[in-house]
Amino acid sequence: MIRSRHLTIAGLCLVVAVAGAGAQEPGRSGGEADCDSLCITPTRMISFETSQGTQMNVDISPDGETLLFDLLGDLYTVPRTGGAAQRLTRGPALDLQPVYSPDGSLILFVSDR
């Protein structure tokens, strides 16, 4: 009796494993593996200018010359003395909490990409 239960459970596991092996995500044909981020195509673009923000995370480069910050899910740098910010990331992914590496050669940040 116990042996037949084990065989039944093992058989069900095998059926589930085989059924799941050939499954694909809905809407994917298998050739879309190189899809960028969330596979969303923007339908319109907006632009804005601002001189302040809230709930921003800021870091300063090790040489003290550049500020690194996040704003509305994208990362930017701006010279310490002020000026126009340069966008580092863009797109539908939410990029937050950027920090410079100790030598300033890399930037680490949290993202939902």
PDB file of N, CA and C in Angstrom:
ATOM      1  N   MET A   1       0.819  -1.186   0.000  1.00  0.00           N
ATOM      2  CA  MET A   1       0.000   0.000   0.000  1.00  0.00           C
ATOM      3  C   MET A   1       0.872   1.263   0.000  1.00  0.00           C
ATOM      4  N   ILE A   2       1.867   1.307   0.908  1.00  0.00           N
ATOM      5  CA  ILE A   2       2.742   2.466   0.980  1.00  0.00           C
ATOM      6  C   ILE A   2       3.572   2.569  -0.286  1.00  0.00           C
ATOM      7  N   ARG A   3       4.017   1.424  -0.801  1.00  0.00           N
ATOM      8  CA  ARG A   3       4.838   1.441  -2.014  1.00  0.00           C
ATOM      9  C   ARG A   3       4.042   1.989  -3.194  1.00  0.00           C
ATOM     10  N   SER A   4       2.768   1.631  -3.328  1.00  0.00           N
ATOM     11  CA  SER A   4       1.967   2.139  -4.448  1.00  0.00           C
ATOM     12  C   SER A   4       1.730   3.645  -4.324  1.00  0.00           C
ATOM     13  N   ARG A   5       1.623   4.165  -3.084  1.00  0.00           N
ATOM     14  CA  ARG A   5       1.488   5.620  -2.895  1.00  0.00           C
ATOM     15  C   ARG A   5       2.751   6.337  -3.367  1.00  0.00           C
ATOM     16  N   HIS A   6       3.904   5.789  -3.043  1.00  0.00           N
ATOM     17  CA  HIS A   6       5.164   6.407  -3.464  1.00  0.00           C
ATOM     18  C   HIS A   6       5.286   6.406  -4.982  1.00  0.00           C
ATOM     19  N   LEU A   7       4.879   5.312  -5.612  1.00  0.00           N
ATOM     20  CA  LEU A   7       4.926   5.256  -7.071  1.00  0.00           C
ATOM     21  C   LEU A   7       3.953   6.258  -7.686  1.00  0.00           C
ATOM     22  N   THR A   8       2.779   6.409  -7.087  1.00  0.00           N
ATOM     23  CA  THR A   8       1.803   7.371  -7.594  1.00  0.00           C
ATOM     24  C   THR A   8       2.343   8.793  -7.483  1.00  0.00           C
ATOM     25  N   ILE A   9       2.906   9.125  -6.324  1.00  0.00           N
ATOM     26  CA  ILE A   9       3.461  10.468  -6.116  1.00  0.00           C
ATOM     27  C   ILE A   9       4.631  10.703  -7.073  1.00  0.00           C
ATOM     28  N   ALA A  10       5.500   9.708  -7.227  1.00  0.00           N
ATOM     29  CA  ALA A  10       6.628   9.849  -8.150  1.00  0.00           C
ATOM     30  C   ALA A  10       6.132  10.030  -9.581  1.00  0.00           C
ATOM     31  N   GLY A  11       5.078   9.303  -9.959  1.00  0.00           N
ATOM     32  CA  GLY A  11       4.514   9.443 -11.300  1.00  0.00           C
ATOM     33  C   GLY A  11       3.929  10.826 -11.525  1.00  0.00           C
ATOM     34  N   LEU A  12       3.237  11.374 -10.512  1.00  0.00           N
ATOM     35  CA  LEU A  12       2.678  12.729 -10.636  1.00  0.00           C
ATOM     36  C   LEU A  12       3.786  13.763 -10.774  1.00  0.00           C
ATOM     37  N   CYS A  13       4.845  13.601  -9.998  1.00  0.00           N
ATOM     38  CA  CYS A  13       5.975  14.536 -10.092  1.00  0.00           C
ATOM     39  C   CYS A  13       6.595  14.497 -11.476  1.00  0.00           C
ATOM     40  N   LEU A  14       6.711  13.314 -12.046  1.00  0.00           N
ATOM     41  CA  LEU A  14       7.270  13.163 -13.380  1.00  0.00           C
ATOM     42  C   LEU A  14       6.383  13.834 -14.418  1.00  0.00           C
ATOM     43  N   VAL A  15       5.069  13.669 -14.305  1.00  0.00           N
ATOM     44  CA  VAL A  15       4.139  14.306 -15.242  1.00  0.00           C
ATOM     45  C   VAL A  15       4.237  15.813 -15.150  1.00  0.00           C
ATOM     46  N   VAL A  16       4.296  16.362 -13.928  1.00  0.00           N
ATOM     47  CA  VAL A  16       4.410  17.812 -13.742  1.00  0.00           C
ATOM     48  C   VAL A  16       5.727  18.314 -14.319  1.00  0.00           C
ATOM     49  N   ALA A  17       6.828  17.600 -14.087  1.00  0.00           N
ATOM     50  CA  ALA A  17       8.131  18.021 -14.598  1.00  0.00           C
ATOM     51  C   ALA A  17       8.156  18.006 -16.118  1.00  0.00           C
ATOM     52  N   VAL A  18       7.587  16.980 -16.737  1.00  0.00           N
ATOM     53  CA  VAL A  18       7.572  16.891 -18.199  1.00  0.00           C
ATOM     54  C   VAL A  18       6.673  17.962 -18.784  1.00  0.00           C
ATOM     55  N   ALA A  19       5.524  18.221 -18.163  1.00  0.00           N
ATOM     56  CA  ALA A  19       4.599  19.240 -18.674  1.00  0.00           C
ATOM     57  C   ALA A  19       5.217  20.628 -18.578  1.00  0.00           C
ATOM     58  N   GLY A  20       5.957  20.889 -17.521  1.00  0.00           N
ATOM     59  CA  GLY A  20       6.555  22.207 -17.347  1.00  0.00           C
ATOM     60  C   GLY A  20       7.790  22.419 -18.199  1.00  0.00           C
ATOM     61  N   ALA A  21       8.418  21.358 -18.656  1.00  0.00           N
ATOM     62  CA  ALA A  21       9.664  21.484 -19.412  1.00  0.00           C
ATOM     63  C   ALA A  21       9.464  22.171 -20.748  1.00  0.00           C
ATOM     64  N   GLY A  22       8.335  21.955 -21.400  1.00  0.00           N
ATOM     65  CA  GLY A  22       8.106  22.569 -22.702  1.00  0.00           C
ATOM     66  C   GLY A  22       7.337  23.859 -22.643  1.00  0.00           C
ATOM     67  N   ALA A  23       6.998  24.313 -21.439  1.00  0.00           N
ATOM     68  CA  ALA A  23       6.178  25.523 -21.306  1.00  0.00           C
ATOM     69  C   ALA A  23       6.998  26.759 -21.636  1.00  0.00           C
ATOM     70  N   GLN A  24       6.336  27.735 -22.241  1.00  0.00           N
ATOM     71  CA  GLN A  24       6.938  29.031 -22.519  1.00  0.00           C
ATOM     72  C   GLN A  24       6.047  30.092 -21.929  1.00  0.00           C
ATOM     73  N   GLU A  25       6.633  31.268 -21.729  1.00  0.00           N
ATOM     74  CA  GLU A  25       5.833  32.381 -21.250  1.00  0.00           C
ATOM     75  C   GLU A  25       4.823  32.751 -22.329  1.00  0.00           C
ATOM     76  N   PRO A  26       3.616  33.143 -21.917  1.00  0.00           N
ATOM     77  CA  PRO A  26       2.628  33.554 -22.909  1.00  0.00           C
ATOM     78  C   PRO A  26       3.141  34.711 -23.758  1.00  0.00           C
ATOM     79  N   GLY A  27       2.900  34.664 -25.039  1.00  0.00           N
ATOM     80  CA  GLY A  27       3.301  35.746 -25.936  1.00  0.00           C
ATOM     81  C   GLY A  27       4.749  35.693 -26.376  1.00  0.00           C
ATOM     82  N   ARG A  28       5.518  34.726 -25.910  1.00  0.00           N
ATOM     83  CA  ARG A  28       6.920  34.631 -26.310  1.00  0.00           C
ATOM     84  C   ARG A  28       7.096  33.491 -27.280  1.00  0.00           C
ATOM     85  N   SER A  29       7.837  33.743 -28.324  1.00  0.00           N
ATOM     86  CA  SER A  29       8.050  32.706 -29.331  1.00  0.00           C
ATOM     87  C   SER A  29       9.384  32.006 -29.161  1.00  0.00           C
ATOM     88  N   GLY A  30      10.132  32.391 -28.144  1.00  0.00           N
ATOM     89  CA  GLY A  30      11.432  31.772 -27.923  1.00  0.00           C
ATOM     90  C   GLY A  30      12.563  32.595 -28.501  1.00  0.00           C
ATOM     91  N   GLY A  31      12.318  33.431 -29.500  1.00  0.00           N
ATOM     92  CA  GLY A  31      13.348  34.251 -30.104  1.00  0.00           C
ATOM     93  C   GLY A  31      13.419  35.650 -29.506  1.00  0.00           C
ATOM     94  N   GLU A  32      12.663  35.890 -28.440  1.00  0.00           N
ATOM     95  CA  GLU A  32      12.623  37.212 -27.838  1.00  0.00           C
ATOM     96  C   GLU A  32      13.464  37.285 -26.575  1.00  0.00           C
ATOM     97  N   ALA A  33      14.440  36.434 -26.433  1.00  0.00           N
ATOM     98  CA  ALA A  33      15.259  36.386 -25.229  1.00  0.00           C
ATOM     99  C   ALA A  33      16.077  37.659 -25.051  1.00  0.00           C
ATOM    100  N   ASP A  34      16.332  38.399 -26.111  1.00  0.00           N
ATOM    101  CA  ASP A  34      17.125  39.610 -26.016  1.00  0.00           C
ATOM    102  C   ASP A  34      16.271  40.842 -25.758  1.00  0.00           C
ATOM    103  N   CYS A  35      15.045  40.653 -25.321  1.00  0.00           N
ATOM    104  CA  CYS A  35      14.126  41.745 -25.028  1.00  0.00           C
ATOM    105  C   CYS A  35      14.709  42.608 -23.908  1.00  0.00           C
ATOM    106  N   ASP A  36      14.673  43.921 -24.064  1.00  0.00           N
ATOM    107  CA  ASP A  36      15.238  44.851 -23.109  1.00  0.00           C
ATOM    108  C   ASP A  36      14.306  45.058 -21.924  1.00  0.00           C
ATOM    109  N   SER A  37      14.810  44.893 -20.744  1.00  0.00           N
ATOM    110  CA  SER A  37      14.142  45.195 -19.488  1.00  0.00           C
ATOM    111  C   SER A  37      12.754  44.583 -19.414  1.00  0.00           C
ATOM    112  N   LEU A  38      11.714  45.364 -19.440  1.00  0.00           N
ATOM    113  CA  LEU A  38      10.355  44.880 -19.258  1.00  0.00           C
ATOM    114  C   LEU A  38       9.619  44.665 -20.576  1.00  0.00           C
ATOM    115  N   CYS A  39      10.284  44.806 -21.688  1.00  0.00           N
ATOM    116  CA  CYS A  39       9.697  44.607 -23.009  1.00  0.00           C
ATOM    117  C   CYS A  39       8.520  45.549 -23.264  1.00  0.00           C
ATOM    118  N   ILE A  40       8.626  46.750 -22.764  1.00  0.00           N
ATOM    119  CA  ILE A  40       7.584  47.749 -22.973  1.00  0.00           C
ATOM    120  C   ILE A  40       8.111  48.791 -23.956  1.00  0.00           C
ATOM    121  N   THR A  41       7.337  49.080 -24.971  1.00  0.00           N
ATOM    122  CA  THR A  41       7.716  50.097 -25.939  1.00  0.00           C
ATOM    123  C   THR A  41       7.003  51.404 -25.591  1.00  0.00           C
ATOM    124  N   PRO A  42       7.744  52.463 -25.316  1.00  0.00           N
ATOM    125  CA  PRO A  42       7.101  53.739 -24.972  1.00  0.00           C
ATOM    126  C   PRO A  42       6.272  54.257 -26.137  1.00  0.00           C
ATOM    127  N   THR A  43       5.137  54.866 -25.819  1.00  0.00           N
ATOM    128  CA  THR A  43       4.278  55.430 -26.855  1.00  0.00           C
ATOM    129  C   THR A  43       4.433  56.934 -26.966  1.00  0.00           C
ATOM    130  N   ARG A  44       5.043  57.553 -25.954  1.00  0.00           N
ATOM    131  CA  ARG A  44       5.269  58.998 -26.004  1.00  0.00           C
ATOM    132  C   ARG A  44       6.427  59.351 -25.086  1.00  0.00           C
ATOM    133  N   MET A  45       7.041  60.471 -25.336  1.00  0.00           N
ATOM    134  CA  MET A  45       8.150  60.947 -24.522  1.00  0.00           C
ATOM    135  C   MET A  45       7.766  62.279 -23.905  1.00  0.00           C
ATOM    136  N   ILE A  46       8.255  62.521 -22.686  1.00  0.00           N
ATOM    137  CA  ILE A  46       8.063  63.821 -22.053  1.00  0.00           C
ATOM    138  C   ILE A  46       9.425  64.350 -21.643  1.00  0.00           C
ATOM    139  N   SER A  47       9.536  65.633 -21.512  1.00  0.00           N
ATOM    140  CA  SER A  47      10.770  66.229 -21.005  1.00  0.00           C
ATOM    141  C   SER A  47      10.388  67.222 -19.917  1.00  0.00           C
ATOM    142  N   PHE A  48      11.305  67.461 -19.003  1.00  0.00           N
ATOM    143  CA  PHE A  48      11.034  68.388 -17.910  1.00  0.00           C
ATOM    144  C   PHE A  48      12.338  68.985 -17.430  1.00  0.00           C
ATOM    145  N   GLU A  49      12.233  70.105 -16.771  1.00  0.00           N
ATOM    146  CA  GLU A  49      13.363  70.748 -16.111  1.00  0.00           C
ATOM    147  C   GLU A  49      12.967  70.978 -14.671  1.00  0.00           C
ATOM    148  N   THR A  50      13.909  70.754 -13.770  1.00  0.00           N
ATOM    149  CA  THR A  50      13.640  70.965 -12.353  1.00  0.00           C
ATOM    150  C   THR A  50      14.908  71.419 -11.653  1.00  0.00           C
ATOM    151  N   SER A  51      14.741  72.094 -10.553  1.00  0.00           N
ATOM    152  CA  SER A  51      15.900  72.514  -9.772  1.00  0.00           C
ATOM    153  C   SER A  51      15.869  71.898  -8.376  1.00  0.00           C
ATOM    154  N   GLN A  52      14.868  71.041  -8.104  1.00  0.00           N
ATOM    155  CA  GLN A  52      14.798  70.369  -6.815  1.00  0.00           C
ATOM    156  C   GLN A  52      14.004  69.078  -6.925  1.00  0.00           C
ATOM    157  N   GLY A  53      14.160  68.215  -5.952  1.00  0.00           N
ATOM    158  CA  GLY A  53      13.444  66.955  -5.926  1.00  0.00           C
ATOM    159  C   GLY A  53      13.264  66.499  -4.489  1.00  0.00           C
ATOM    160  N   THR A  54      12.423  65.493  -4.283  1.00  0.00           N
ATOM    161  CA  THR A  54      12.214  64.944  -2.948  1.00  0.00           C
ATOM    162  C   THR A  54      12.515  63.449  -2.970  1.00  0.00           C
ATOM    163  N   GLN A  55      12.791  62.901  -1.810  1.00  0.00           N
ATOM    164  CA  GLN A  55      13.100  61.490  -1.632  1.00  0.00           C
ATOM    165  C   GLN A  55      14.189  61.012  -2.592  1.00  0.00           C
ATOM    166  N   MET A  56      15.218  61.832  -2.728  1.00  0.00           N
ATOM    167  CA  MET A  56      16.341  61.504  -3.596  1.00  0.00           C
ATOM    168  C   MET A  56      17.473  60.909  -2.765  1.00  0.00           C
ATOM    169  N   ASN A  57      18.249  60.035  -3.363  1.00  0.00           N
ATOM    170  CA  ASN A  57      19.447  59.481  -2.742  1.00  0.00           C
ATOM    171  C   ASN A  57      20.641  60.118  -3.433  1.00  0.00           C
ATOM    172  N   VAL A  58      21.598  60.628  -2.645  1.00  0.00           N
ATOM    173  CA  VAL A  58      22.736  61.370  -3.202  1.00  0.00           C
ATOM    174  C   VAL A  58      24.036  60.789  -2.669  1.00  0.00           C
ATOM    175  N   ASP A  59      25.044  60.726  -3.534  1.00  0.00           N
ATOM    176  CA  ASP A  59      26.392  60.332  -3.140  1.00  0.00           C
ATOM    177  C   ASP A  59      27.360  61.298  -3.818  1.00  0.00           C
ATOM    178  N   ILE A  60      28.537  61.444  -3.247  1.00  0.00           N
ATOM    179  CA  ILE A  60      29.553  62.320  -3.834  1.00  0.00           C
ATOM    180  C   ILE A  60      30.750  61.464  -4.235  1.00  0.00           C
ATOM    181  N   SER A  61      31.346  61.806  -5.365  1.00  0.00           N
ATOM    182  CA  SER A  61      32.486  61.030  -5.867  1.00  0.00           C
ATOM    183  C   SER A  61      33.653  61.132  -4.886  1.00  0.00           C
ATOM    184  N   PRO A  62      34.541  60.133  -4.890  1.00  0.00           N
ATOM    185  CA  PRO A  62      35.686  60.154  -3.973  1.00  0.00           C
ATOM    186  C   PRO A  62      36.569  61.399  -4.121  1.00  0.00           C
ATOM    187  N   ASP A  63      36.638  61.974  -5.322  1.00  0.00           N
ATOM    188  CA  ASP A  63      37.443  63.185  -5.493  1.00  0.00           C
ATOM    189  C   ASP A  63      36.679  64.448  -5.099  1.00  0.00           C
ATOM    190  N   GLY A  64      35.401  64.303  -4.749  1.00  0.00           N
ATOM    191  CA  GLY A  64      34.601  65.434  -4.285  1.00  0.00           C
ATOM    192  C   GLY A  64      34.111  66.362  -5.373  1.00  0.00           C
ATOM    193  N   GLU A  65      34.254  65.986  -6.628  1.00  0.00           N
ATOM    194  CA  GLU A  65      33.900  66.873  -7.738  1.00  0.00           C
ATOM    195  C   GLU A  65      32.531  66.622  -8.352  1.00  0.00           C
ATOM    196  N   THR A  66      31.939  65.449  -8.138  1.00  0.00           N
ATOM    197  CA  THR A  66      30.699  65.093  -8.828  1.00  0.00           C
ATOM    198  C   THR A  66      29.672  64.523  -7.850  1.00  0.00           C
ATOM    199  N   LEU A  67      28.435  64.982  -7.986  1.00  0.00           N
ATOM    200  CA  LEU A  67      27.325  64.436  -7.214  1.00  0.00           C
ATOM    201  C   LEU A  67      26.594  63.404  -8.061  1.00  0.00           C
ATOM    202  N   LEU A  68      26.208  62.319  -7.442  1.00  0.00           N
ATOM    203  CA  LEU A  68      25.472  61.241  -8.094  1.00  0.00           C
ATOM    204  C   LEU A  68      24.130  61.144  -7.380  1.00  0.00           C
ATOM    205  N   PHE A  69      23.025  61.123  -8.128  1.00  0.00           N
ATOM    206  CA  PHE A  69      21.725  61.070  -7.476  1.00  0.00           C
ATOM    207  C   PHE A  69      20.701  60.355  -8.338  1.00  0.00           C
ATOM    208  N   ASP A  70      19.610  59.948  -7.690  1.00  0.00           N
ATOM    209  CA  ASP A  70      18.491  59.366  -8.423  1.00  0.00           C
ATOM    210  C   ASP A  70      17.328  60.354  -8.398  1.00  0.00           C
ATOM    211  N   LEU A  71      16.568  60.351  -9.482  1.00  0.00           N
ATOM    212  CA  LEU A  71      15.400  61.209  -9.602  1.00  0.00           C
ATOM    213  C   LEU A  71      14.408  60.512 -10.524  1.00  0.00           C
ATOM    214  N   LEU A  72      13.226  60.245 -10.022  1.00  0.00           N
ATOM    215  CA  LEU A  72      12.159  59.606 -10.798  1.00  0.00           C
ATOM    216  C   LEU A  72      12.596  58.289 -11.440  1.00  0.00           C
ATOM    217  N   GLY A  73      13.436  57.526 -10.738  1.00  0.00           N
ATOM    218  CA  GLY A  73      13.827  56.200 -11.207  1.00  0.00           C
ATOM    219  C   GLY A  73      15.009  56.152 -12.149  1.00  0.00           C
ATOM    220  N   ASP A  74      15.611  57.291 -12.455  1.00  0.00           N
ATOM    221  CA  ASP A  74      16.814  57.323 -13.296  1.00  0.00           C
ATOM    222  C   ASP A  74      17.977  57.885 -12.486  1.00  0.00           C
ATOM    223  N   LEU A  75      19.208  57.609 -12.917  1.00  0.00           N
ATOM    224  CA  LEU A  75      20.403  58.090 -12.234  1.00  0.00           C
ATOM    225  C   LEU A  75      21.028  59.235 -13.008  1.00  0.00           C
ATOM    226  N   TYR A  76      21.543  60.208 -12.274  1.00  0.00           N
ATOM    227  CA  TYR A  76      22.144  61.402 -12.871  1.00  0.00           C
ATOM    228  C   TYR A  76      23.433  61.752 -12.141  1.00  0.00           C
ATOM    229  N   THR A  77      24.307  62.488 -12.824  1.00  0.00           N
ATOM    230  CA  THR A  77      25.461  63.120 -12.195  1.00  0.00           C
ATOM    231  C   THR A  77      25.403  64.610 -12.502  1.00  0.00           C
ATOM    232  N   VAL A  78      25.973  65.389 -11.599  1.00  0.00           N
ATOM    233  CA  VAL A  78      26.055  66.836 -11.794  1.00  0.00           C
ATOM    234  C   VAL A  78      27.347  67.305 -11.127  1.00  0.00           C
ATOM    235  N   PRO A  79      28.045  68.270 -11.722  1.00  0.00           N
ATOM    236  CA  PRO A  79      29.255  68.790 -11.078  1.00  0.00           C
ATOM    237  C   PRO A  79      28.923  69.395  -9.705  1.00  0.00           C
ATOM    238  N   ARG A  80      29.856  69.311  -8.799  1.00  0.00           N
ATOM    239  CA  ARG A  80      29.671  69.853  -7.448  1.00  0.00           C
ATOM    240  C   ARG A  80      29.366  71.337  -7.487  1.00  0.00           C
ATOM    241  N   THR A  81      29.902  72.037  -8.454  1.00  0.00           N
ATOM    242  CA  THR A  81      29.704  73.482  -8.564  1.00  0.00           C
ATOM    243  C   THR A  81      28.363  73.846  -9.189  1.00  0.00           C
ATOM    244  N   GLY A  82      27.596  72.854  -9.661  1.00  0.00           N
ATOM    245  CA  GLY A  82      26.291  73.110 -10.276  1.00  0.00           C
ATOM    246  C   GLY A  82      26.360  72.960 -11.785  1.00  0.00           C
ATOM    247  N   GLY A  83      25.219  73.146 -12.429  1.00  0.00           N
ATOM    248  CA  GLY A  83      25.149  73.017 -13.875  1.00  0.00           C
ATOM    249  C   GLY A  83      24.108  72.013 -14.295  1.00  0.00           C
ATOM    250  N   ALA A  84      24.161  71.614 -15.535  1.00  0.00           N
ATOM    251  CA  ALA A  84      23.196  70.662 -16.080  1.00  0.00           C
ATOM    252  C   ALA A  84      23.554  69.246 -15.638  1.00  0.00           C
ATOM    253  N   ALA A  85      22.543  68.484 -15.261  1.00  0.00           N
ATOM    254  CA  ALA A  85      22.744  67.082 -14.863  1.00  0.00           C
ATOM    255  C   ALA A  85      22.845  66.210 -16.108  1.00  0.00           C
ATOM    256  N   GLN A  86      23.643  65.168 -16.013  1.00  0.00           N
ATOM    257  CA  GLN A  86      23.793  64.209 -17.104  1.00  0.00           C
ATOM    258  C   GLN A  86      23.112  62.907 -16.686  1.00  0.00           C
ATOM    259  N   ARG A  87      22.174  62.425 -17.506  1.00  0.00           N
ATOM    260  CA  ARG A  87      21.459  61.192 -17.183  1.00  0.00           C
ATOM    261  C   ARG A  87      22.346  59.989 -17.497  1.00  0.00           C
ATOM    262  N   LEU A  88      22.409  59.054 -16.543  1.00  0.00           N
ATOM    263  CA  LEU A  88      23.201  57.840 -16.722  1.00  0.00           C
ATOM    264  C   LEU A  88      22.346  56.645 -17.110  1.00  0.00           C
ATOM    265  N   THR A  89      21.120  56.564 -16.594  1.00  0.00           N
ATOM    266  CA  THR A  89      20.225  55.460 -16.919  1.00  0.00           C
ATOM    267  C   THR A  89      18.884  56.016 -17.372  1.00  0.00           C
ATOM    268  N   ARG A  90      18.149  55.196 -18.122  1.00  0.00           N
ATOM    269  CA  ARG A  90      16.814  55.593 -18.580  1.00  0.00           C
ATOM    270  C   ARG A  90      16.011  54.345 -18.872  1.00  0.00           C
ATOM    271  N   GLY A  91      14.722  54.521 -19.035  1.00  0.00           N
ATOM    272  CA  GLY A  91      13.855  53.405 -19.360  1.00  0.00           C
ATOM    273  C   GLY A  91      12.861  53.108 -18.254  1.00  0.00           C
ATOM    274  N   PRO A  92      12.086  52.049 -18.432  1.00  0.00           N
ATOM    275  CA  PRO A  92      11.038  51.746 -17.460  1.00  0.00           C
ATOM    276  C   PRO A  92      11.559  51.177 -16.139  1.00  0.00           C
ATOM    277  N   ALA A  93      12.817  50.737 -16.089  1.00  0.00           N
ATOM    278  CA  ALA A  93      13.357  50.180 -14.847  1.00  0.00           C
ATOM    279  C   ALA A  93      13.493  51.277 -13.797  1.00  0.00           C
ATOM    280  N   LEU A  94      13.301  50.911 -12.540  1.00  0.00           N
ATOM    281  CA  LEU A  94      13.434  51.828 -11.419  1.00  0.00           C
ATOM    282  C   LEU A  94      14.838  51.670 -10.843  1.00  0.00           C
ATOM    283  N   ASP A  95      15.702  52.667 -11.048  1.00  0.00           N
ATOM    284  CA  ASP A  95      17.083  52.647 -10.569  1.00  0.00           C
ATOM    285  C   ASP A  95      17.190  53.612  -9.388  1.00  0.00           C
ATOM    286  N   LEU A  96      17.645  53.102  -8.234  1.00  0.00           N
ATOM    287  CA  LEU A  96      17.655  53.881  -6.997  1.00  0.00           C
ATOM    288  C   LEU A  96      18.928  53.667  -6.199  1.00  0.00           C
ATOM    289  N   GLN A  97      19.153  54.522  -5.215  1.00  0.00           N
ATOM    290  CA  GLN A  97      20.204  54.423  -4.210  1.00  0.00           C
ATOM    291  C   GLN A  97      21.601  54.243  -4.803  1.00  0.00           C
ATOM    292  N   PRO A  98      22.024  55.125  -5.692  1.00  0.00           N
ATOM    293  CA  PRO A  98      23.357  54.972  -6.286  1.00  0.00           C
ATOM    294  C   PRO A  98      24.466  55.367  -5.317  1.00  0.00           C
ATOM    295  N   VAL A  99      25.587  54.654  -5.389  1.00  0.00           N
ATOM    296  CA  VAL A  99      26.787  54.983  -4.614  1.00  0.00           C
ATOM    297  C   VAL A  99      28.010  54.728  -5.491  1.00  0.00           C
ATOM    298  N   TYR A 100      29.036  55.527  -5.279  1.00  0.00           N
ATOM    299  CA  TYR A 100      30.313  55.318  -5.961  1.00  0.00           C
ATOM    300  C   TYR A 100      31.104  54.232  -5.246  1.00  0.00           C
ATOM    301  N   SER A 101      31.910  53.500  -6.013  1.00  0.00           N
ATOM    302  CA  SER A 101      32.867  52.575  -5.403  1.00  0.00           C
ATOM    303  C   SER A 101      33.956  53.427  -4.742  1.00  0.00           C
ATOM    304  N   PRO A 102      34.732  52.861  -3.815  1.00  0.00           N
ATOM    305  CA  PRO A 102      35.759  53.646  -3.123  1.00  0.00           C
ATOM    306  C   PRO A 102      36.751  54.343  -4.051  1.00  0.00           C
ATOM    307  N   ASP A 103      37.077  53.735  -5.203  1.00  0.00           N
ATOM    308  CA  ASP A 103      38.011  54.387  -6.123  1.00  0.00           C
ATOM    309  C   ASP A 103      37.302  55.263  -7.158  1.00  0.00           C
ATOM    310  N   GLY A 104      35.971  55.270  -7.152  1.00  0.00           N
ATOM    311  CA  GLY A 104      35.204  56.124  -8.057  1.00  0.00           C
ATOM    312  C   GLY A 104      35.064  55.592  -9.471  1.00  0.00           C
ATOM    313  N   SER A 105      35.547  54.394  -9.740  1.00  0.00           N
ATOM    314  CA  SER A 105      35.499  53.865 -11.105  1.00  0.00           C
ATOM    315  C   SER A 105      34.172  53.182 -11.429  1.00  0.00           C
ATOM    316  N   LEU A 106      33.419  52.791 -10.406  1.00  0.00           N
ATOM    317  CA  LEU A 106      32.154  52.092 -10.608  1.00  0.00           C
ATOM    318  C   LEU A 106      31.040  52.756  -9.819  1.00  0.00           C
ATOM    319  N   ILE A 107      29.797  52.515 -10.260  1.00  0.00           N
ATOM    320  CA  ILE A 107      28.614  52.982  -9.541  1.00  0.00           C
ATOM    321  C   ILE A 107      27.768  51.762  -9.233  1.00  0.00           C
ATOM    322  N   LEU A 108      27.349  51.626  -8.008  1.00  0.00           N
ATOM    323  CA  LEU A 108      26.477  50.546  -7.582  1.00  0.00           C
ATOM    324  C   LEU A 108      25.099  51.145  -7.310  1.00  0.00           C
ATOM    325  N   PHE A 109      24.029  50.469  -7.755  1.00  0.00           N
ATOM    326  CA  PHE A 109      22.680  50.948  -7.490  1.00  0.00           C
ATOM    327  C   PHE A 109      21.706  49.795  -7.455  1.00  0.00           C
ATOM    328  N   VAL A 110      20.545  50.032  -6.882  1.00  0.00           N
ATOM    329  CA  VAL A 110      19.481  49.043  -6.796  1.00  0.00           C
ATOM    330  C   VAL A 110      18.549  49.259  -7.975  1.00  0.00           C
ATOM    331  N   SER A 111      18.109  48.174  -8.605  1.00  0.00           N
ATOM    332  CA  SER A 111      17.235  48.287  -9.773  1.00  0.00           C
ATOM    333  C   SER A 111      16.265  47.120  -9.824  1.00  0.00           C
ATOM    334  N   ASP A 112      15.130  47.316 -10.498  1.00  0.00           N
ATOM    335  CA  ASP A 112      14.180  46.223 -10.713  1.00  0.00           C
ATOM    336  C   ASP A 112      14.254  45.714 -12.154  1.00  0.00           C
ATOM    337  N   ARG A 113      15.377  45.909 -12.813  1.00  0.00           N
ATOM    338  CA  ARG A 113      15.547  45.432 -14.189  1.00  0.00           C
ATOM    339  C   ARG A 113      15.384  43.940 -14.271  1.00  0.00           C
TER     340      ARG A 113
END
